[in-house]
């Protein structure tokens, strides 16, 4: 990339560029930062001239980033983050009056168990705080690195890097969920033979159907089962199982919350499966930020009440 004349760049252009790199769509970028499509298009034309690069190019019906644009994502996020922290720097954080926006990336399981009570807890305490709930990403560390989320809630067993501060929130165990009137199960005891003979519903994520920790554990043990259905939502499991012969490994906290909605029952697993440990992770750049620290404390309190 040719050299860039910094005198031609203002902060507003960098904010627009950040939105364009994140959304890869002119209209959505405008909605994200409160500008019209024409204003964003004009800014993109200026940015292309400044960087001597198209930045976004059309491929079919989509816009994709050029290599130079991809290389700008992380440094631009970090630069804007530092500017924001400098401008908003204050001795503390007052949830009753301060205006802040936070993003939390989590699975639907963590959303039900942790984020639902968190939202209830902060609604009255922090009227000017906005929480963006972002779906769980396959690469949680990258989400933090690129500042796509302020906090990631992820099982310790899946977060493989030690580069980020963290705090354990809760532990949960796996149970087997089956239809409440399952024809093959007697006296609420699921034998290993019955477990292996029944069709299974498993939770996976992404196009490659990454298995959850429990089902992956069974694969690692070399246990073969007939998988009849895969789904990307823990919360759908009970409703898909109801009225079928399927069995599914589910996390106890979420399953018990849903017992009143779906006619299922929970049984002990005939094959031992390790517990899951949910933790929150954040980028070190946020560790001393008063508002971020307040949010982490709130999450920790919510988890402590659950425990």
C-alpha atoms as a PDB file:
ATOM      1  CA  UNK A   1       0.000   0.000   0.000  1.00  0.00           C
ATOM      2  CA  UNK A   2       1.268   3.503  -0.822  1.00  0.00           C
ATOM      3  CA  UNK A   3       1.906   5.954   1.981  1.00  0.00           C
ATOM      4  CA  UNK A   4      -1.111   7.717   3.450  1.00  0.00           C
ATOM      5  CA  UNK A   5      -1.226  11.450   4.080  1.00  0.00           C
ATOM      6  CA  UNK A   6      -2.551  11.692   7.633  1.00  0.00           C
ATOM      7  CA  UNK A   7      -3.599  15.313   7.085  1.00  0.00           C
ATOM      8  CA  UNK A   8      -6.362  14.024   4.792  1.00  0.00           C
ATOM      9  CA  UNK A   9      -7.877  11.780   7.475  1.00  0.00           C
ATOM     10  CA  UNK A  10     -10.268  12.830  10.229  1.00  0.00           C
ATOM     11  CA  UNK A  11     -11.642  10.711  13.033  1.00  0.00           C
ATOM     12  CA  UNK A  12     -15.075  10.469  11.404  1.00  0.00           C
ATOM     13  CA  UNK A  13     -13.572   8.798   8.339  1.00  0.00           C
ATOM     14  CA  UNK A  14     -11.850   6.220  10.523  1.00  0.00           C
ATOM     15  CA  UNK A  15     -15.117   5.458  12.347  1.00  0.00           C
ATOM     16  CA  UNK A  16     -16.855   4.962   8.992  1.00  0.00           C
ATOM     17  CA  UNK A  17     -14.011   2.757   7.774  1.00  0.00           C
ATOM     18  CA  UNK A  18     -14.263   0.648  10.916  1.00  0.00           C
ATOM     19  CA  UNK A  19     -18.003   0.151  10.317  1.00  0.00           C
ATOM     20  CA  UNK A  20     -17.423  -0.743   6.657  1.00  0.00           C
ATOM     21  CA  UNK A  21     -14.748  -3.298   7.529  1.00  0.00           C
ATOM     22  CA  UNK A  22     -17.045  -4.880  10.117  1.00  0.00           C
ATOM     23  CA  UNK A  23     -20.293  -4.880   8.108  1.00  0.00           C
ATOM     24  CA  UNK A  24     -18.924  -5.265   4.551  1.00  0.00           C
ATOM     25  CA  UNK A  25     -22.090  -3.457   3.460  1.00  0.00           C
ATOM     26  CA  UNK A  26     -22.621   0.272   2.876  1.00  0.00           C
ATOM     27  CA  UNK A  27     -26.235   0.358   4.113  1.00  0.00           C
ATOM     28  CA  UNK A  28     -25.558  -1.657   7.276  1.00  0.00           C
ATOM     29  CA  UNK A  29     -22.433   0.379   8.021  1.00  0.00           C
ATOM     30  CA  UNK A  30     -24.559   3.529   7.826  1.00  0.00           C
ATOM     31  CA  UNK A  31     -27.171   2.057  10.163  1.00  0.00           C
ATOM     32  CA  UNK A  32     -24.436   1.070  12.600  1.00  0.00           C
ATOM     33  CA  UNK A  33     -23.098   4.620  12.972  1.00  0.00           C
ATOM     34  CA  UNK A  34     -26.225   6.634  12.158  1.00  0.00           C
ATOM     35  CA  UNK A  35     -25.345   7.892   8.657  1.00  0.00           C
ATOM     36  CA  UNK A  36     -27.210   7.731   5.362  1.00  0.00           C
ATOM     37  CA  UNK A  37     -26.143   5.337   2.629  1.00  0.00           C
ATOM     38  CA  UNK A  38     -25.087   8.241   0.419  1.00  0.00           C
ATOM     39  CA  UNK A  39     -22.902   9.706   3.167  1.00  0.00           C
ATOM     40  CA  UNK A  40     -21.169   6.370   3.717  1.00  0.00           C
ATOM     41  CA  UNK A  41     -20.690   5.914  -0.032  1.00  0.00           C
ATOM     42  CA  UNK A  42     -19.099   9.351  -0.269  1.00  0.00           C
ATOM     43  CA  UNK A  43     -16.825   8.557   2.673  1.00  0.00           C
ATOM     44  CA  UNK A  44     -15.835   5.254   1.054  1.00  0.00           C
ATOM     45  CA  UNK A  45     -14.841   7.134  -2.107  1.00  0.00           C
ATOM     46  CA  UNK A  46     -12.623   9.442  -0.014  1.00  0.00           C
ATOM     47  CA  UNK A  47     -11.106   6.489   1.841  1.00  0.00           C
ATOM     48  CA  UNK A  48     -10.313   4.718  -1.433  1.00  0.00           C
ATOM     49  CA  UNK A  49      -8.523   7.826  -2.620  1.00  0.00           C
ATOM     50  CA  UNK A  50      -6.625   8.237   0.654  1.00  0.00           C
ATOM     51  CA  UNK A  51      -5.490   4.601   0.835  1.00  0.00           C
ATOM     52  CA  UNK A  52      -5.036   4.199  -2.931  1.00  0.00           C
ATOM     53  CA  UNK A  53      -6.974   0.964  -2.627  1.00  0.00           C
ATOM     54  CA  UNK A  54     -10.624  -0.029  -3.369  1.00  0.00           C
ATOM     55  CA  UNK A  55     -10.906  -1.507   0.174  1.00  0.00           C
ATOM     56  CA  UNK A  56     -14.206  -3.249  -0.676  1.00  0.00           C
ATOM     57  CA  UNK A  57     -14.803  -4.884  -4.051  1.00  0.00           C
ATOM     58  CA  UNK A  58     -17.959  -6.458  -5.411  1.00  0.00           C
ATOM     59  CA  UNK A  59     -17.963 -10.211  -5.980  1.00  0.00           C
ATOM     60  CA  UNK A  60     -21.357 -11.256  -7.267  1.00  0.00           C
ATOM     61  CA  UNK A  61     -23.926  -9.656  -4.958  1.00  0.00           C
ATOM     62  CA  UNK A  62     -21.513  -9.285  -2.042  1.00  0.00           C
ATOM     63  CA  UNK A  63     -18.757  -6.884  -1.073  1.00  0.00           C
ATOM     64  CA  UNK A  64     -15.482  -8.436   0.050  1.00  0.00           C
ATOM     65  CA  UNK A  65     -12.432  -6.836   1.627  1.00  0.00           C
ATOM     66  CA  UNK A  66      -9.179  -6.410  -0.211  1.00  0.00           C
ATOM     67  CA  UNK A  67      -6.014  -7.764   1.384  1.00  0.00           C
ATOM     68  CA  UNK A  68      -5.067  -4.259   2.509  1.00  0.00           C
ATOM     69  CA  UNK A  69      -8.481  -3.772   4.068  1.00  0.00           C
ATOM     70  CA  UNK A  70      -8.162  -7.070   5.954  1.00  0.00           C
ATOM     71  CA  UNK A  71      -4.830  -5.873   7.334  1.00  0.00           C
ATOM     72  CA  UNK A  72      -6.464  -2.692   8.613  1.00  0.00           C
ATOM     73  CA  UNK A  73      -9.111  -4.382  10.799  1.00  0.00           C
ATOM     74  CA  UNK A  74      -7.066  -5.030  13.948  1.00  0.00           C
ATOM     75  CA  UNK A  75      -4.866  -1.889  14.041  1.00  0.00           C
ATOM     76  CA  UNK A  76      -7.885   0.314  13.298  1.00  0.00           C
ATOM     77  CA  UNK A  77      -9.920  -1.294  16.101  1.00  0.00           C
ATOM     78  CA  UNK A  78      -7.050  -0.845  18.528  1.00  0.00           C
ATOM     79  CA  UNK A  79      -6.463   2.784  17.494  1.00  0.00           C
ATOM     80  CA  UNK A  80     -10.123   3.739  17.828  1.00  0.00           C
ATOM     81  CA  UNK A  81     -10.342   1.893  21.132  1.00  0.00           C
ATOM     82  CA  UNK A  82      -7.407   3.861  22.542  1.00  0.00           C
ATOM     83  CA  UNK A  83      -8.898   7.144  21.321  1.00  0.00           C
ATOM     84  CA  UNK A  84     -12.259   6.287  22.889  1.00  0.00           C
ATOM     85  CA  UNK A  85     -10.652   5.348  26.195  1.00  0.00           C
ATOM     86  CA  UNK A  86      -8.663   8.587  26.207  1.00  0.00           C
ATOM     87  CA  UNK A  87     -11.690  10.756  25.458  1.00  0.00           C
ATOM     88  CA  UNK A  88     -13.912   8.945  27.939  1.00  0.00           C
ATOM     89  CA  UNK A  89     -11.280   8.589  30.630  1.00  0.00           C
ATOM     90  CA  UNK A  90     -12.724   9.441  34.028  1.00  0.00           C
ATOM     91  CA  UNK A  91     -11.874   8.500  37.627  1.00  0.00           C
ATOM     92  CA  UNK A  92     -14.741   6.031  37.887  1.00  0.00           C
ATOM     93  CA  UNK A  93     -17.943   4.719  36.378  1.00  0.00           C
ATOM     94  CA  UNK A  94     -21.420   5.661  37.569  1.00  0.00           C
ATOM     95  CA  UNK A  95     -23.942   3.125  36.236  1.00  0.00           C
ATOM     96  CA  UNK A  96     -26.838   5.387  37.225  1.00  0.00           C
ATOM     97  CA  UNK A  97     -25.827   8.141  34.809  1.00  0.00           C
ATOM     98  CA  UNK A  98     -22.948   7.152  32.518  1.00  0.00           C
ATOM     99  CA  UNK A  99     -23.661   6.211  28.904  1.00  0.00           C
ATOM    100  CA  UNK A 100     -21.827   3.084  27.721  1.00  0.00           C
ATOM    101  CA  UNK A 101     -22.245   0.285  25.228  1.00  0.00           C
ATOM    102  CA  UNK A 102     -20.891  -3.236  25.784  1.00  0.00           C
ATOM    103  CA  UNK A 103     -20.877  -6.346  23.607  1.00  0.00           C
ATOM    104  CA  UNK A 104     -20.910  -9.868  25.033  1.00  0.00           C
ATOM    105  CA  UNK A 105     -20.343 -12.963  22.881  1.00  0.00           C
ATOM    106  CA  UNK A 106     -21.899 -16.140  24.264  1.00  0.00           C
ATOM    107  CA  UNK A 107     -23.743 -19.317  23.338  1.00  0.00           C
ATOM    108  CA  UNK A 108     -27.513 -19.535  23.719  1.00  0.00           C
ATOM    109  CA  UNK A 109     -26.859 -21.682  26.813  1.00  0.00           C
ATOM    110  CA  UNK A 110     -24.835 -18.891  28.479  1.00  0.00           C
ATOM    111  CA  UNK A 111     -27.433 -16.402  27.266  1.00  0.00           C
ATOM    112  CA  UNK A 112     -30.203 -18.255  29.086  1.00  0.00           C
ATOM    113  CA  UNK A 113     -28.295 -19.048  32.276  1.00  0.00           C
ATOM    114  CA  UNK A 114     -26.099 -15.960  32.733  1.00  0.00           C
ATOM    115  CA  UNK A 115     -27.079 -13.119  30.429  1.00  0.00           C
ATOM    116  CA  UNK A 116     -30.832 -13.201  31.038  1.00  0.00           C
ATOM    117  CA  UNK A 117     -30.387 -12.532  34.795  1.00  0.00           C
ATOM    118  CA  UNK A 118     -27.605 -10.029  33.992  1.00  0.00           C
ATOM    119  CA  UNK A 119     -29.959  -8.008  31.802  1.00  0.00           C
ATOM    120  CA  UNK A 120     -32.595  -8.034  34.543  1.00  0.00           C
ATOM    121  CA  UNK A 121     -30.004  -6.952  37.094  1.00  0.00           C
ATOM    122  CA  UNK A 122     -28.753  -3.920  35.167  1.00  0.00           C
ATOM    123  CA  UNK A 123     -32.050  -2.674  33.685  1.00  0.00           C
ATOM    124  CA  UNK A 124     -32.852  -0.383  36.597  1.00  0.00           C
ATOM    125  CA  UNK A 125     -29.323   0.135  37.889  1.00  0.00           C
ATOM    126  CA  UNK A 126     -27.829   1.313  34.574  1.00  0.00           C
ATOM    127  CA  UNK A 127     -30.544   2.971  32.435  1.00  0.00           C
ATOM    128  CA  UNK A 128     -28.041   4.411  29.947  1.00  0.00           C
ATOM    129  CA  UNK A 129     -26.038   1.221  29.391  1.00  0.00           C
ATOM    130  CA  UNK A 130     -26.687  -0.783  26.219  1.00  0.00           C
ATOM    131  CA  UNK A 131     -25.747  -4.454  26.029  1.00  0.00           C
ATOM    132  CA  UNK A 132     -25.240  -6.061  22.609  1.00  0.00           C
ATOM    133  CA  UNK A 133     -25.557  -9.852  22.828  1.00  0.00           C
ATOM    134  CA  UNK A 134     -23.430 -11.407  20.087  1.00  0.00           C
ATOM    135  CA  UNK A 135     -23.658 -15.093  19.046  1.00  0.00           C
ATOM    136  CA  UNK A 136     -20.839 -17.405  20.071  1.00  0.00           C
ATOM    137  CA  UNK A 137     -18.017 -17.465  17.540  1.00  0.00           C
ATOM    138  CA  UNK A 138     -15.858 -20.431  16.638  1.00  0.00           C
ATOM    139  CA  UNK A 139     -12.676 -18.392  17.215  1.00  0.00           C
ATOM    140  CA  UNK A 140     -13.408 -16.670  20.530  1.00  0.00           C
ATOM    141  CA  UNK A 141      -9.880 -15.296  20.912  1.00  0.00           C
ATOM    142  CA  UNK A 142     -10.109 -13.474  17.578  1.00  0.00           C
ATOM    143  CA  UNK A 143     -13.388 -11.879  18.671  1.00  0.00           C
ATOM    144  CA  UNK A 144     -11.521 -10.314  21.597  1.00  0.00           C
ATOM    145  CA  UNK A 145      -8.446  -9.444  19.549  1.00  0.00           C
ATOM    146  CA  UNK A 146     -10.484  -7.572  16.926  1.00  0.00           C
ATOM    147  CA  UNK A 147     -12.667  -5.906  19.577  1.00  0.00           C
ATOM    148  CA  UNK A 148     -15.864  -7.446  18.209  1.00  0.00           C
ATOM    149  CA  UNK A 149     -16.892  -8.140  21.800  1.00  0.00           C
ATOM    150  CA  UNK A 150     -15.885  -6.706  25.161  1.00  0.00           C
ATOM    151  CA  UNK A 151     -16.446 -10.033  26.922  1.00  0.00           C
ATOM    152  CA  UNK A 152     -16.553 -13.587  25.628  1.00  0.00           C
ATOM    153  CA  UNK A 153     -18.245 -16.283  27.701  1.00  0.00           C
ATOM    154  CA  UNK A 154     -16.737 -19.607  26.703  1.00  0.00           C
ATOM    155  CA  UNK A 155     -16.031 -23.023  28.235  1.00  0.00           C
ATOM    156  CA  UNK A 156     -12.528 -23.191  29.674  1.00  0.00           C
ATOM    157  CA  UNK A 157     -12.142 -26.484  27.825  1.00  0.00           C
ATOM    158  CA  UNK A 158     -12.545 -24.721  24.451  1.00  0.00           C
ATOM    159  CA  UNK A 159     -10.607 -21.486  25.042  1.00  0.00           C
ATOM    160  CA  UNK A 160      -7.122 -22.714  24.269  1.00  0.00           C
ATOM    161  CA  UNK A 161      -5.029 -19.537  24.521  1.00  0.00           C
ATOM    162  CA  UNK A 162      -3.720 -18.052  27.785  1.00  0.00           C
ATOM    163  CA  UNK A 163      -3.204 -14.545  26.349  1.00  0.00           C
ATOM    164  CA  UNK A 164      -6.393 -13.112  27.852  1.00  0.00           C
ATOM    165  CA  UNK A 165      -7.490 -12.468  31.449  1.00  0.00           C
ATOM    166  CA  UNK A 166     -10.413 -14.581  32.611  1.00  0.00           C
ATOM    167  CA  UNK A 167     -12.672 -15.394  35.529  1.00  0.00           C
ATOM    168  CA  UNK A 168     -14.536 -18.644  36.144  1.00  0.00           C
ATOM    169  CA  UNK A 169     -18.310 -18.165  36.330  1.00  0.00           C
ATOM    170  CA  UNK A 170     -19.955 -21.549  36.812  1.00  0.00           C
ATOM    171  CA  UNK A 171     -19.720 -25.303  36.431  1.00  0.00           C
ATOM    172  CA  UNK A 172     -22.417 -27.494  34.945  1.00  0.00           C
ATOM    173  CA  UNK A 173     -22.879 -31.214  34.365  1.00  0.00           C
ATOM    174  CA  UNK A 174     -24.269 -33.250  31.518  1.00  0.00           C
ATOM    175  CA  UNK A 175     -27.472 -35.251  31.716  1.00  0.00           C
ATOM    176  CA  UNK A 176     -29.457 -37.250  29.172  1.00  0.00           C
ATOM    177  CA  UNK A 177     -32.745 -35.771  27.974  1.00  0.00           C
ATOM    178  CA  UNK A 178     -35.491 -38.036  26.630  1.00  0.00           C
ATOM    179  CA  UNK A 179     -39.225 -37.827  26.020  1.00  0.00           C
ATOM    180  CA  UNK A 180     -41.152 -38.057  29.301  1.00  0.00           C
ATOM    181  CA  UNK A 181     -42.999 -41.148  28.062  1.00  0.00           C
ATOM    182  CA  UNK A 182     -40.116 -42.824  26.269  1.00  0.00           C
ATOM    183  CA  UNK A 183     -41.197 -46.394  25.377  1.00  0.00           C
ATOM    184  CA  UNK A 184     -37.742 -47.977  25.858  1.00  0.00           C
ATOM    185  CA  UNK A 185     -36.819 -46.631  29.305  1.00  0.00           C
ATOM    186  CA  UNK A 186     -38.037 -48.255  32.518  1.00  0.00           C
ATOM    187  CA  UNK A 187     -37.830 -46.945  36.090  1.00  0.00           C
ATOM    188  CA  UNK A 188     -36.075 -43.753  34.914  1.00  0.00           C
ATOM    189  CA  UNK A 189     -32.819 -45.637  34.386  1.00  0.00           C
ATOM    190  CA  UNK A 190     -30.999 -45.296  31.088  1.00  0.00           C
ATOM    191  CA  UNK A 191     -28.637 -48.214  30.601  1.00  0.00           C
ATOM    192  CA  UNK A 192     -25.522 -47.975  28.511  1.00  0.00           C
ATOM    193  CA  UNK A 193     -26.920 -50.491  26.026  1.00  0.00           C
ATOM    194  CA  UNK A 194     -30.159 -48.519  25.633  1.00  0.00           C
ATOM    195  CA  UNK A 195     -28.200 -45.258  25.337  1.00  0.00           C
ATOM    196  CA  UNK A 196     -26.123 -46.665  22.484  1.00  0.00           C
ATOM    197  CA  UNK A 197     -29.089 -48.267  20.716  1.00  0.00           C
ATOM    198  CA  UNK A 198     -31.258 -45.121  20.677  1.00  0.00           C
ATOM    199  CA  UNK A 199     -31.015 -42.462  17.938  1.00  0.00           C
ATOM    200  CA  UNK A 200     -29.200 -39.337  19.114  1.00  0.00           C
ATOM    201  CA  UNK A 201     -29.688 -35.605  18.765  1.00  0.00           C
ATOM    202  CA  UNK A 202     -26.406 -33.696  19.131  1.00  0.00           C
ATOM    203  CA  UNK A 203     -25.486 -30.054  19.435  1.00  0.00           C
ATOM    204  CA  UNK A 204     -22.915 -28.731  16.980  1.00  0.00           C
ATOM    205  CA  UNK A 205     -21.836 -25.308  15.778  1.00  0.00           C
ATOM    206  CA  UNK A 206     -20.756 -23.986  12.393  1.00  0.00           C
ATOM    207  CA  UNK A 207     -20.732 -25.465   8.926  1.00  0.00           C
ATOM    208  CA  UNK A 208     -18.458 -28.299  10.050  1.00  0.00           C
ATOM    209  CA  UNK A 209     -20.812 -29.201  12.939  1.00  0.00           C
ATOM    210  CA  UNK A 210     -18.211 -28.799  15.692  1.00  0.00           C
ATOM    211  CA  UNK A 211     -19.454 -31.111  18.438  1.00  0.00           C
ATOM    212  CA  UNK A 212     -20.128 -29.974  21.983  1.00  0.00           C
ATOM    213  CA  UNK A 213     -17.723 -31.151  24.670  1.00  0.00           C
ATOM    214  CA  UNK A 214     -19.849 -34.092  25.834  1.00  0.00           C
ATOM    215  CA  UNK A 215     -20.450 -35.580  22.404  1.00  0.00           C
ATOM    216  CA  UNK A 216     -16.827 -34.971  21.426  1.00  0.00           C
ATOM    217  CA  UNK A 217     -15.784 -36.859  24.567  1.00  0.00           C
ATOM    218  CA  UNK A 218     -17.780 -39.890  23.425  1.00  0.00           C
ATOM    219  CA  UNK A 219     -16.171 -39.676  19.986  1.00  0.00           C
ATOM    220  CA  UNK A 220     -12.726 -39.559  21.598  1.00  0.00           C
ATOM    221  CA  UNK A 221     -13.631 -42.708  23.551  1.00  0.00           C
ATOM    222  CA  UNK A 222     -14.410 -44.439  20.250  1.00  0.00           C
ATOM    223  CA  UNK A 223     -18.107 -44.834  21.096  1.00  0.00           C
ATOM    224  CA  UNK A 224     -20.282 -45.218  18.015  1.00  0.00           C
ATOM    225  CA  UNK A 225     -23.874 -43.961  17.928  1.00  0.00           C
ATOM    226  CA  UNK A 226     -26.485 -43.233  15.309  1.00  0.00           C
ATOM    227  CA  UNK A 227     -26.847 -39.459  15.108  1.00  0.00           C
ATOM    228  CA  UNK A 228     -30.294 -38.714  13.750  1.00  0.00           C
ATOM    229  CA  UNK A 229     -30.410 -34.912  14.138  1.00  0.00           C
ATOM    230  CA  UNK A 230     -27.855 -32.145  14.658  1.00  0.00           C
ATOM    231  CA  UNK A 231     -28.814 -28.671  15.848  1.00  0.00           C
ATOM    232  CA  UNK A 232     -26.932 -25.444  16.614  1.00  0.00           C
ATOM    233  CA  UNK A 233     -29.046 -24.484  19.632  1.00  0.00           C
ATOM    234  CA  UNK A 234     -28.980 -26.085  23.070  1.00  0.00           C
ATOM    235  CA  UNK A 235     -32.348 -24.514  23.741  1.00  0.00           C
ATOM    236  CA  UNK A 236     -34.068 -26.378  20.890  1.00  0.00           C
ATOM    237  CA  UNK A 237     -32.970 -29.810  22.113  1.00  0.00           C
ATOM    238  CA  UNK A 238     -35.897 -30.531  24.480  1.00  0.00           C
ATOM    239  CA  UNK A 239     -38.486 -29.482  21.912  1.00  0.00           C
ATOM    240  CA  UNK A 240     -36.947 -31.613  19.155  1.00  0.00           C
ATOM    241  CA  UNK A 241     -36.708 -34.641  21.473  1.00  0.00           C
ATOM    242  CA  UNK A 242     -40.296 -34.467  22.651  1.00  0.00           C
ATOM    243  CA  UNK A 243     -42.454 -37.159  21.044  1.00  0.00           C
ATOM    244  CA  UNK A 244     -39.458 -39.085  19.617  1.00  0.00           C
ATOM    245  CA  UNK A 245     -37.180 -41.957  20.659  1.00  0.00           C
ATOM    246  CA  UNK A 246     -34.117 -39.698  20.508  1.00  0.00           C
ATOM    247  CA  UNK A 247     -31.770 -39.053  23.400  1.00  0.00           C
ATOM    248  CA  UNK A 248     -29.513 -36.023  23.788  1.00  0.00           C
ATOM    249  CA  UNK A 249     -26.759 -34.928  26.119  1.00  0.00           C
ATOM    250  CA  UNK A 250     -27.794 -31.610  27.658  1.00  0.00           C
ATOM    251  CA  UNK A 251     -26.455 -29.255  30.297  1.00  0.00           C
ATOM    252  CA  UNK A 252     -28.437 -29.544  33.504  1.00  0.00           C
ATOM    253  CA  UNK A 253     -28.904 -25.852  34.305  1.00  0.00           C
ATOM    254  CA  UNK A 254     -30.441 -25.052  30.905  1.00  0.00           C
ATOM    255  CA  UNK A 255     -32.476 -28.255  30.686  1.00  0.00           C
ATOM    256  CA  UNK A 256     -34.100 -27.744  34.093  1.00  0.00           C
ATOM    257  CA  UNK A 257     -35.059 -24.199  33.082  1.00  0.00           C
ATOM    258  CA  UNK A 258     -36.896 -25.650  30.073  1.00  0.00           C
ATOM    259  CA  UNK A 259     -38.623 -28.562  31.810  1.00  0.00           C
ATOM    260  CA  UNK A 260     -41.847 -26.620  32.147  1.00  0.00           C
ATOM    261  CA  UNK A 261     -41.994 -25.928  28.412  1.00  0.00           C
ATOM    262  CA  UNK A 262     -41.159 -29.341  26.969  1.00  0.00           C
ATOM    263  CA  UNK A 263     -42.487 -32.722  28.110  1.00  0.00           C
ATOM    264  CA  UNK A 264     -39.112 -34.355  28.729  1.00  0.00           C
ATOM    265  CA  UNK A 265     -37.266 -35.968  31.609  1.00  0.00           C
ATOM    266  CA  UNK A 266     -33.625 -35.865  32.629  1.00  0.00           C
ATOM    267  CA  UNK A 267     -31.645 -39.001  33.426  1.00  0.00           C
ATOM    268  CA  UNK A 268     -28.134 -39.699  34.616  1.00  0.00           C
ATOM    269  CA  UNK A 269     -25.669 -40.448  31.836  1.00  0.00           C
ATOM    270  CA  UNK A 270     -24.707 -44.137  31.693  1.00  0.00           C
ATOM    271  CA  UNK A 271     -21.252 -43.134  30.436  1.00  0.00           C
ATOM    272  CA  UNK A 272     -19.285 -40.625  32.532  1.00  0.00           C
ATOM    273  CA  UNK A 273     -18.833 -37.243  30.850  1.00  0.00           C
ATOM    274  CA  UNK A 274     -16.605 -34.436  32.254  1.00  0.00           C
ATOM    275  CA  UNK A 275     -18.300 -31.313  33.613  1.00  0.00           C
ATOM    276  CA  UNK A 276     -18.212 -28.037  31.705  1.00  0.00           C
ATOM    277  CA  UNK A 277     -16.679 -24.838  33.151  1.00  0.00           C
ATOM    278  CA  UNK A 278     -17.959 -21.515  31.799  1.00  0.00           C
ATOM    279  CA  UNK A 279     -15.648 -18.513  32.154  1.00  0.00           C
ATOM    280  CA  UNK A 280     -15.601 -14.932  30.927  1.00  0.00           C
ATOM    281  CA  UNK A 281     -12.617 -13.651  28.957  1.00  0.00           C
ATOM    282  CA  UNK A 282     -11.650 -10.117  28.001  1.00  0.00           C
ATOM    283  CA  UNK A 283      -8.794  -8.279  26.298  1.00  0.00           C
ATOM    284  CA  UNK A 284      -6.118  -6.824  28.623  1.00  0.00           C
ATOM    285  CA  UNK A 285      -6.854  -3.375  27.200  1.00  0.00           C
ATOM    286  CA  UNK A 286     -10.109  -3.403  29.200  1.00  0.00           C
ATOM    287  CA  UNK A 287      -8.803  -4.712  32.520  1.00  0.00           C
ATOM    288  CA  UNK A 288      -8.516  -1.349  34.281  1.00  0.00           C
ATOM    289  CA  UNK A 289     -11.452   0.358  32.562  1.00  0.00           C
ATOM    290  CA  UNK A 290     -13.963   1.266  35.318  1.00  0.00           C
ATOM    291  CA  UNK A 291     -17.053   0.561  33.213  1.00  0.00           C
ATOM    292  CA  UNK A 292     -15.730  -2.760  32.001  1.00  0.00           C
ATOM    293  CA  UNK A 293     -14.768  -3.713  35.533  1.00  0.00           C
ATOM    294  CA  UNK A 294     -18.317  -2.868  36.674  1.00  0.00           C
ATOM    295  CA  UNK A 295     -19.765  -5.159  33.990  1.00  0.00           C
ATOM    296  CA  UNK A 296     -17.434  -8.005  34.974  1.00  0.00           C
ATOM    297  CA  UNK A 297     -18.396  -7.588  38.629  1.00  0.00           C
ATOM    298  CA  UNK A 298     -22.092  -7.757  37.706  1.00  0.00           C
ATOM    299  CA  UNK A 299     -21.544 -10.976  35.768  1.00  0.00           C
ATOM    300  CA  UNK A 300     -19.579 -12.427  38.651  1.00  0.00           C
ATOM    301  CA  UNK A 301     -22.394 -11.600  41.087  1.00  0.00           C
ATOM    302  CA  UNK A 302     -25.005 -13.142  38.816  1.00  0.00           C
ATOM    303  CA  UNK A 303     -22.921 -16.314  38.623  1.00  0.00           C
ATOM    304  CA  UNK A 304     -22.406 -16.367  42.395  1.00  0.00           C
ATOM    305  CA  UNK A 305     -26.172 -16.211  42.966  1.00  0.00           C
ATOM    306  CA  UNK A 306     -26.669 -19.124  40.566  1.00  0.00           C
ATOM    307  CA  UNK A 307     -24.090 -21.149  42.426  1.00  0.00           C
END
